[in-house]
Amino acid sequence: MPQEKPTYKQVQNRYDTLRQVARKIAFEELAPVIPNKRGMAILKSTISLDGFTFDCQKALRKWKKRGCVV
């Protein structure tokens, strides 16, 4: 008997879960203090590793206008 194909929603949920786990592991592996390109310290506690949302896109556009992003 052939195996039933998962629905789109099931596949989407599976990969959402995998992305969440990957971001959690990546965050746990970060050093407590991370130097940026200018040598300034960025505290791990001020960083979040979330998905790329509409708010992220808006912030990125603002940074590009200021010349902060290449």
Protein backbone atom coordinates (compact mmCIF):
# COMPACT_ATOMS: atom_id res chain seq x y z
CA MET A 1 0.00 0.00 0.00
CA PRO A 2 1.54 3.40 -1.01
CA GLN A 3 2.35 5.88 1.73
CA GLU A 4 0.02 8.88 1.90
CA LYS A 5 1.56 12.17 0.83
CA PRO A 6 1.70 14.82 3.59
CA THR A 7 -0.41 17.94 3.14
CA TYR A 8 1.17 21.30 2.43
CA LYS A 9 0.33 22.42 5.98
CA GLN A 10 2.05 19.35 7.47
CA VAL A 11 5.18 19.99 5.44
CA GLN A 12 5.11 23.68 6.32
CA ASN A 13 4.76 22.89 10.04
CA ARG A 14 7.62 20.40 9.90
CA TYR A 15 10.00 22.90 8.32
CA ASP A 16 8.86 25.72 10.63
CA THR A 17 9.76 23.47 13.55
CA LEU A 18 13.15 22.61 12.03
CA ARG A 19 13.90 26.32 11.47
CA GLN A 20 12.98 27.12 15.07
CA VAL A 21 15.25 24.37 16.38
CA ALA A 22 18.11 25.52 14.12
CA ARG A 23 17.76 29.14 15.31
CA LYS A 24 17.70 28.01 18.96
CA ILE A 25 20.88 25.97 18.51
CA ALA A 26 22.60 28.80 16.62
CA PHE A 27 21.69 31.26 19.41
CA GLU A 28 22.99 28.90 22.10
CA GLU A 29 26.33 28.64 20.25
CA LEU A 30 26.85 32.41 20.12
CA ALA A 31 29.53 33.92 22.32
CA PRO A 32 28.21 36.12 25.17
CA VAL A 33 29.82 39.17 23.52
CA ILE A 34 30.29 39.51 19.76
CA PRO A 35 32.45 42.23 18.16
CA ASN A 36 31.00 43.92 15.09
CA LYS A 37 32.96 45.28 12.09
CA ARG A 38 33.71 48.49 13.97
CA GLY A 39 35.10 46.59 16.95
CA MET A 40 32.14 47.48 19.14
CA ALA A 41 30.69 44.83 21.42
CA ILE A 42 27.24 43.38 20.79
CA LEU A 43 25.76 41.53 23.73
CA LYS A 44 24.20 38.17 22.95
CA SER A 45 21.26 39.14 25.17
CA THR A 46 20.35 41.93 22.71
CA ILE A 47 20.13 39.56 19.73
CA SER A 48 17.18 37.51 18.59
CA LEU A 49 17.22 34.98 15.79
CA ASP A 50 13.70 35.10 14.40
CA GLY A 51 12.37 34.50 10.93
CA PHE A 52 12.61 37.20 8.28
CA THR A 53 9.38 39.14 8.82
CA PHE A 54 7.81 42.22 7.27
CA ASP A 55 9.19 44.26 10.20
CA CYS A 56 12.67 42.96 9.38
CA GLN A 57 12.24 44.09 5.79
CA LYS A 58 11.20 47.59 6.90
CA ALA A 59 14.20 47.88 9.24
CA LEU A 60 16.55 46.67 6.51
CA ARG A 61 15.23 49.35 4.11
CA LYS A 62 15.85 52.04 6.76
CA TRP A 63 19.40 50.79 7.32
CA LYS A 64 20.06 50.76 3.56
CA LYS A 65 18.89 54.39 3.28
CA ARG A 66 21.35 55.36 6.04
CA GLY A 67 24.18 53.50 4.28
CA CYS A 68 24.49 50.95 7.08
CA VAL A 69 23.94 47.95 4.77
CA VAL A 70 25.82 47.21 1.59
